[in-house]
Amino acid sequence: MMSAAVLPASLFGLGGALNEYRISESWAQASLMSVFKLIIHPAIVYVLTVLVLHVPIEFARYAVMLSAMPAGINAYVFATYYDRNVNVAANVVLISTVASIATITFWLLVLGR
């Protein structure tokens, strides 16, 4: 019963924490960081694993897909802990999560599955 409540409780906590930040304040920085996280980072992993290190594509898919995941709550937690660009970190979590619908689909097509 406890394990079933973890995901809804964490989403509720994340929503409550991000509620005070407005996307209009730092959308440019957050969008740029989301592009780095969702497109550039997996592209670097793809080039390194497939073209440089010649890792079999069956294994390289895992590395690329893991690198293509959106920014998690850890970015927000560390920004809050160090009191640096909390607004940007909160917006990166939001923007990258929404944009990952398209970018994950793109990377799945690139990887052939």
N, C-alpha and C. Protein backbone atom coordinates (compact mmCIF):
# COMPACT_ATOMS: atom_id res chain seq x y z
N MET A 1 0.83 -1.18 0.00
CA MET A 1 0.00 0.00 0.00
C MET A 1 0.88 1.26 0.00
N MET A 2 1.99 1.20 0.73
CA MET A 2 2.90 2.36 0.77
C MET A 2 3.53 2.61 -0.60
N SER A 3 3.94 1.55 -1.29
CA SER A 3 4.61 1.73 -2.57
C SER A 3 3.67 2.32 -3.62
N ALA A 4 2.40 2.05 -3.53
CA ALA A 4 1.44 2.61 -4.49
C ALA A 4 1.24 4.11 -4.27
N ALA A 5 1.53 4.59 -3.08
CA ALA A 5 1.33 6.02 -2.77
C ALA A 5 2.56 6.87 -3.05
N VAL A 6 3.69 6.26 -3.33
CA VAL A 6 4.92 7.02 -3.50
C VAL A 6 4.87 7.92 -4.73
N LEU A 7 4.49 7.39 -5.88
CA LEU A 7 4.47 8.19 -7.10
C LEU A 7 3.49 9.35 -7.03
N PRO A 8 2.24 9.14 -6.64
CA PRO A 8 1.34 10.31 -6.53
C PRO A 8 1.81 11.34 -5.50
N ALA A 9 2.38 10.88 -4.40
CA ALA A 9 2.86 11.82 -3.38
C ALA A 9 4.04 12.63 -3.90
N SER A 10 4.95 11.99 -4.63
CA SER A 10 6.10 12.72 -5.16
C SER A 10 5.68 13.71 -6.23
N LEU A 11 4.73 13.34 -7.08
CA LEU A 11 4.23 14.28 -8.09
C LEU A 11 3.52 15.46 -7.44
N PHE A 12 2.79 15.22 -6.38
CA PHE A 12 2.13 16.29 -5.66
C PHE A 12 3.17 17.23 -5.04
N GLY A 13 4.21 16.66 -4.44
CA GLY A 13 5.27 17.48 -3.84
C GLY A 13 6.02 18.28 -4.89
N LEU A 14 6.30 17.68 -6.04
CA LEU A 14 6.99 18.38 -7.12
C LEU A 14 6.12 19.53 -7.64
N GLY A 15 4.85 19.27 -7.84
CA GLY A 15 3.94 20.32 -8.30
C GLY A 15 3.84 21.47 -7.32
N GLY A 16 3.81 21.14 -6.04
CA GLY A 16 3.76 22.20 -5.02
C GLY A 16 5.02 23.01 -4.98
N ALA A 17 6.17 22.36 -5.17
CA ALA A 17 7.44 23.08 -5.14
C ALA A 17 7.62 23.96 -6.37
N LEU A 18 7.16 23.49 -7.51
CA LEU A 18 7.34 24.24 -8.75
C LEU A 18 6.26 25.29 -8.98
N ASN A 19 5.25 25.30 -8.16
CA ASN A 19 4.11 26.20 -8.35
C ASN A 19 4.51 27.67 -8.27
N GLU A 20 5.49 28.01 -7.48
CA GLU A 20 5.84 29.43 -7.29
C GLU A 20 6.69 30.00 -8.42
N TYR A 21 7.20 29.16 -9.32
CA TYR A 21 8.07 29.64 -10.40
C TYR A 21 7.27 29.81 -11.68
N ARG A 22 7.50 30.90 -12.36
CA ARG A 22 6.81 31.19 -13.61
C ARG A 22 7.76 30.96 -14.77
N ILE A 23 7.26 30.31 -15.78
CA ILE A 23 8.10 29.97 -16.93
C ILE A 23 8.50 31.20 -17.73
N SER A 24 7.74 32.26 -17.65
CA SER A 24 8.05 33.46 -18.43
C SER A 24 9.30 34.17 -17.93
N GLU A 25 9.72 33.92 -16.71
CA GLU A 25 10.87 34.63 -16.16
C GLU A 25 12.20 34.14 -16.73
N SER A 26 12.32 32.86 -17.02
CA SER A 26 13.61 32.33 -17.48
C SER A 26 13.45 31.31 -18.59
N TRP A 27 12.52 31.54 -19.48
CA TRP A 27 12.24 30.56 -20.52
C TRP A 27 13.40 30.37 -21.48
N ALA A 28 14.17 31.42 -21.77
CA ALA A 28 15.27 31.30 -22.73
C ALA A 28 16.37 30.40 -22.19
N GLN A 29 16.80 30.64 -20.96
CA GLN A 29 17.83 29.80 -20.36
C GLN A 29 17.35 28.36 -20.19
N ALA A 30 16.13 28.21 -19.73
CA ALA A 30 15.59 26.87 -19.50
C ALA A 30 15.41 26.12 -20.82
N SER A 31 15.02 26.82 -21.86
CA SER A 31 14.86 26.16 -23.17
C SER A 31 16.21 25.73 -23.72
N LEU A 32 17.22 26.57 -23.58
CA LEU A 32 18.56 26.22 -24.05
C LEU A 32 19.11 25.00 -23.29
N MET A 33 18.93 24.99 -22.00
CA MET A 33 19.40 23.85 -21.21
C MET A 33 18.63 22.58 -21.55
N SER A 34 17.35 22.72 -21.86
CA SER A 34 16.55 21.56 -22.27
C SER A 34 17.02 21.02 -23.62
N VAL A 35 17.41 21.90 -24.53
CA VAL A 35 17.95 21.46 -25.82
C VAL A 35 19.25 20.70 -25.60
N PHE A 36 20.11 21.21 -24.73
CA PHE A 36 21.35 20.49 -24.42
C PHE A 36 21.04 19.12 -23.84
N LYS A 37 20.09 19.05 -22.93
CA LYS A 37 19.79 17.79 -22.25
C LYS A 37 19.10 16.78 -23.17
N LEU A 38 18.20 17.24 -24.02
CA LEU A 38 17.38 16.31 -24.80
C LEU A 38 17.92 16.01 -26.19
N ILE A 39 18.78 16.87 -26.74
CA ILE A 39 19.27 16.66 -28.10
C ILE A 39 20.79 16.52 -28.15
N ILE A 40 21.50 17.48 -27.60
CA ILE A 40 22.97 17.48 -27.70
C ILE A 40 23.58 16.32 -26.89
N HIS A 41 23.13 16.14 -25.65
CA HIS A 41 23.68 15.09 -24.80
C HIS A 41 23.50 13.70 -25.43
N PRO A 42 22.30 13.32 -25.87
CA PRO A 42 22.18 12.01 -26.52
C PRO A 42 22.96 11.91 -27.83
N ALA A 43 23.10 13.02 -28.55
CA ALA A 43 23.89 12.99 -29.79
C ALA A 43 25.35 12.71 -29.49
N ILE A 44 25.87 13.31 -28.45
CA ILE A 44 27.25 13.04 -28.04
C ILE A 44 27.42 11.57 -27.64
N VAL A 45 26.46 11.06 -26.88
CA VAL A 45 26.52 9.65 -26.46
C VAL A 45 26.45 8.74 -27.68
N TYR A 46 25.59 9.07 -28.63
CA TYR A 46 25.47 8.25 -29.85
C TYR A 46 26.79 8.23 -30.62
N VAL A 47 27.37 9.41 -30.82
CA VAL A 47 28.63 9.48 -31.56
C VAL A 47 29.73 8.70 -30.84
N LEU A 48 29.83 8.88 -29.53
CA LEU A 48 30.88 8.18 -28.78
C LEU A 48 30.69 6.67 -28.77
N THR A 49 29.47 6.22 -28.53
CA THR A 49 29.25 4.77 -28.41
C THR A 49 29.28 4.07 -29.76
N VAL A 50 28.60 4.61 -30.75
CA VAL A 50 28.47 3.92 -32.03
C VAL A 50 29.65 4.19 -32.96
N LEU A 51 30.01 5.44 -33.12
CA LEU A 51 31.02 5.78 -34.12
C LEU A 51 32.46 5.72 -33.62
N VAL A 52 32.67 6.08 -32.35
CA VAL A 52 34.04 6.10 -31.83
C VAL A 52 34.41 4.77 -31.18
N LEU A 53 33.59 4.31 -30.26
CA LEU A 53 33.91 3.10 -29.50
C LEU A 53 33.39 1.81 -30.13
N HIS A 54 32.58 1.93 -31.17
CA HIS A 54 32.02 0.78 -31.90
C HIS A 54 31.29 -0.20 -30.99
N VAL A 55 30.51 0.35 -30.08
CA VAL A 55 29.67 -0.47 -29.21
C VAL A 55 28.53 -1.01 -30.07
N PRO A 56 28.18 -2.27 -29.91
CA PRO A 56 27.04 -2.80 -30.69
C PRO A 56 25.78 -1.97 -30.42
N ILE A 57 25.00 -1.77 -31.48
CA ILE A 57 23.84 -0.90 -31.39
C ILE A 57 22.84 -1.39 -30.34
N GLU A 58 22.81 -2.69 -30.09
CA GLU A 58 21.89 -3.22 -29.08
C GLU A 58 22.20 -2.64 -27.70
N PHE A 59 23.46 -2.42 -27.42
CA PHE A 59 23.87 -1.85 -26.13
C PHE A 59 23.89 -0.32 -26.17
N ALA A 60 24.26 0.23 -27.30
CA ALA A 60 24.32 1.69 -27.43
C ALA A 60 22.93 2.32 -27.29
N ARG A 61 21.90 1.58 -27.70
CA ARG A 61 20.53 2.10 -27.56
C ARG A 61 20.22 2.47 -26.12
N TYR A 62 20.63 1.62 -25.20
CA TYR A 62 20.36 1.88 -23.78
C TYR A 62 21.05 3.16 -23.31
N ALA A 63 22.29 3.32 -23.70
CA ALA A 63 23.03 4.52 -23.27
C ALA A 63 22.41 5.78 -23.86
N VAL A 64 22.06 5.73 -25.13
CA VAL A 64 21.48 6.91 -25.78
C VAL A 64 20.12 7.24 -25.16
N MET A 65 19.30 6.22 -24.95
CA MET A 65 17.97 6.48 -24.39
C MET A 65 18.05 6.99 -22.95
N LEU A 66 18.97 6.49 -22.18
CA LEU A 66 19.14 7.01 -20.82
C LEU A 66 19.59 8.46 -20.83
N SER A 67 20.46 8.81 -21.78
CA SER A 67 20.91 10.20 -21.85
C SER A 67 19.83 11.12 -22.42
N ALA A 68 18.84 10.56 -23.10
CA ALA A 68 17.78 11.36 -23.71
C ALA A 68 16.61 11.63 -22.77
N MET A 69 16.67 11.11 -21.57
CA MET A 69 15.58 11.34 -20.61
C MET A 69 15.60 12.79 -20.12
N PRO A 70 14.45 13.32 -19.74
CA PRO A 70 14.39 14.72 -19.30
C PRO A 70 15.12 14.93 -17.97
N ALA A 71 15.39 16.19 -17.69
CA ALA A 71 16.03 16.54 -16.42
C ALA A 71 15.10 16.16 -15.27
N GLY A 72 15.66 15.59 -14.24
CA GLY A 72 14.86 15.15 -13.11
C GLY A 72 14.83 16.16 -11.99
N ILE A 73 14.18 15.77 -10.95
CA ILE A 73 14.00 16.65 -9.80
C ILE A 73 15.33 16.92 -9.09
N ASN A 74 16.34 16.10 -9.34
CA ASN A 74 17.64 16.33 -8.71
C ASN A 74 18.23 17.68 -9.09
N ALA A 75 18.00 18.11 -10.32
CA ALA A 75 18.48 19.43 -10.74
C ALA A 75 17.87 20.52 -9.88
N TYR A 76 16.60 20.40 -9.62
CA TYR A 76 15.91 21.38 -8.77
C TYR A 76 16.38 21.29 -7.32
N VAL A 77 16.58 20.07 -6.84
CA VAL A 77 17.03 19.88 -5.45
C VAL A 77 18.41 20.49 -5.23
N PHE A 78 19.33 20.25 -6.16
CA PHE A 78 20.68 20.81 -6.02
C PHE A 78 20.66 22.33 -6.18
N ALA A 79 19.86 22.84 -7.09
CA ALA A 79 19.76 24.30 -7.24
C ALA A 79 19.21 24.94 -5.97
N THR A 80 18.25 24.29 -5.35
CA THR A 80 17.69 24.80 -4.10
C THR A 80 18.72 24.71 -2.98
N TYR A 81 19.44 23.61 -2.91
CA TYR A 81 20.44 23.41 -1.86
C TYR A 81 21.54 24.47 -1.93
N TYR A 82 22.01 24.75 -3.14
CA TYR A 82 23.09 25.72 -3.31
C TYR A 82 22.56 27.14 -3.58
N ASP A 83 21.26 27.29 -3.64
CA ASP A 83 20.60 28.58 -3.85
C ASP A 83 21.14 29.29 -5.10
N ARG A 84 21.17 28.55 -6.20
CA ARG A 84 21.66 29.07 -7.47
C ARG A 84 20.65 28.75 -8.58
N ASN A 85 20.12 29.76 -9.22
CA ASN A 85 19.23 29.60 -10.38
C ASN A 85 18.12 28.58 -10.16
N VAL A 86 17.45 28.67 -9.05
CA VAL A 86 16.37 27.75 -8.74
C VAL A 86 15.25 27.89 -9.76
N ASN A 87 14.98 29.11 -10.18
CA ASN A 87 13.93 29.36 -11.16
C ASN A 87 14.24 28.65 -12.48
N VAL A 88 15.48 28.75 -12.92
CA VAL A 88 15.88 28.10 -14.17
C VAL A 88 15.78 26.59 -14.04
N ALA A 89 16.26 26.05 -12.93
CA ALA A 89 16.21 24.60 -12.73
C ALA A 89 14.78 24.08 -12.71
N ALA A 90 13.90 24.80 -12.07
CA ALA A 90 12.49 24.39 -12.02
C ALA A 90 11.88 24.41 -13.42
N ASN A 91 12.22 25.41 -14.19
CA ASN A 91 11.68 25.48 -15.55
C ASN A 91 12.30 24.45 -16.49
N VAL A 92 13.56 24.10 -16.27
CA VAL A 92 14.19 23.05 -17.07
C VAL A 92 13.49 21.73 -16.83
N VAL A 93 13.15 21.43 -15.59
CA VAL A 93 12.42 20.20 -15.28
C VAL A 93 11.09 20.19 -16.04
N LEU A 94 10.38 21.28 -16.02
CA LEU A 94 9.08 21.36 -16.70
C LEU A 94 9.22 21.28 -18.21
N ILE A 95 10.07 22.11 -18.79
CA ILE A 95 10.21 22.16 -20.24
C ILE A 95 10.76 20.86 -20.80
N SER A 96 11.78 20.31 -20.16
CA SER A 96 12.37 19.08 -20.68
C SER A 96 11.42 17.90 -20.56
N THR A 97 10.59 17.89 -19.54
CA THR A 97 9.63 16.81 -19.40
C THR A 97 8.59 16.86 -20.51
N VAL A 98 8.09 18.03 -20.80
CA VAL A 98 7.09 18.17 -21.87
C VAL A 98 7.72 17.92 -23.23
N ALA A 99 8.89 18.48 -23.48
CA ALA A 99 9.55 18.33 -24.78
C ALA A 99 10.06 16.92 -25.02
N SER A 100 10.27 16.17 -23.96
CA SER A 100 10.80 14.81 -24.12
C SER A 100 9.83 13.89 -24.85
N ILE A 101 8.57 14.23 -24.90
CA ILE A 101 7.62 13.43 -25.67
C ILE A 101 8.06 13.37 -27.13
N ALA A 102 8.45 14.48 -27.68
CA ALA A 102 8.89 14.53 -29.07
C ALA A 102 10.31 14.01 -29.24
N THR A 103 11.21 14.40 -28.34
CA THR A 103 12.61 14.01 -28.54
C THR A 103 12.86 12.53 -28.28
N ILE A 104 12.16 11.94 -27.34
CA ILE A 104 12.32 10.49 -27.11
C ILE A 104 11.80 9.73 -28.31
N THR A 105 10.70 10.19 -28.89
CA THR A 105 10.19 9.56 -30.11
C THR A 105 11.22 9.67 -31.23
N PHE A 106 11.84 10.84 -31.36
CA PHE A 106 12.88 11.04 -32.37
C PHE A 106 14.04 10.07 -32.16
N TRP A 107 14.52 9.96 -30.93
CA TRP A 107 15.66 9.07 -30.68
C TRP A 107 15.30 7.61 -30.88
N LEU A 108 14.07 7.24 -30.57
CA LEU A 108 13.64 5.87 -30.84
C LEU A 108 13.64 5.58 -32.34
N LEU A 109 13.23 6.56 -33.15
CA LEU A 109 13.27 6.39 -34.60
C LEU A 109 14.71 6.32 -35.12
N VAL A 110 15.58 7.16 -34.58
CA VAL A 110 16.98 7.15 -34.99
C VAL A 110 17.64 5.80 -34.67
N LEU A 111 17.31 5.27 -33.52
CA LEU A 111 17.93 4.03 -33.07
C LEU A 111 17.28 2.79 -33.68
N GLY A 112 16.20 2.96 -34.39
CA GLY A 112 15.61 1.82 -35.08
C GLY A 112 14.62 1.02 -34.28
N ARG A 113 14.17 1.53 -33.16
CA ARG A 113 13.16 0.84 -32.35
C ARG A 113 12.68 1.74 -31.28
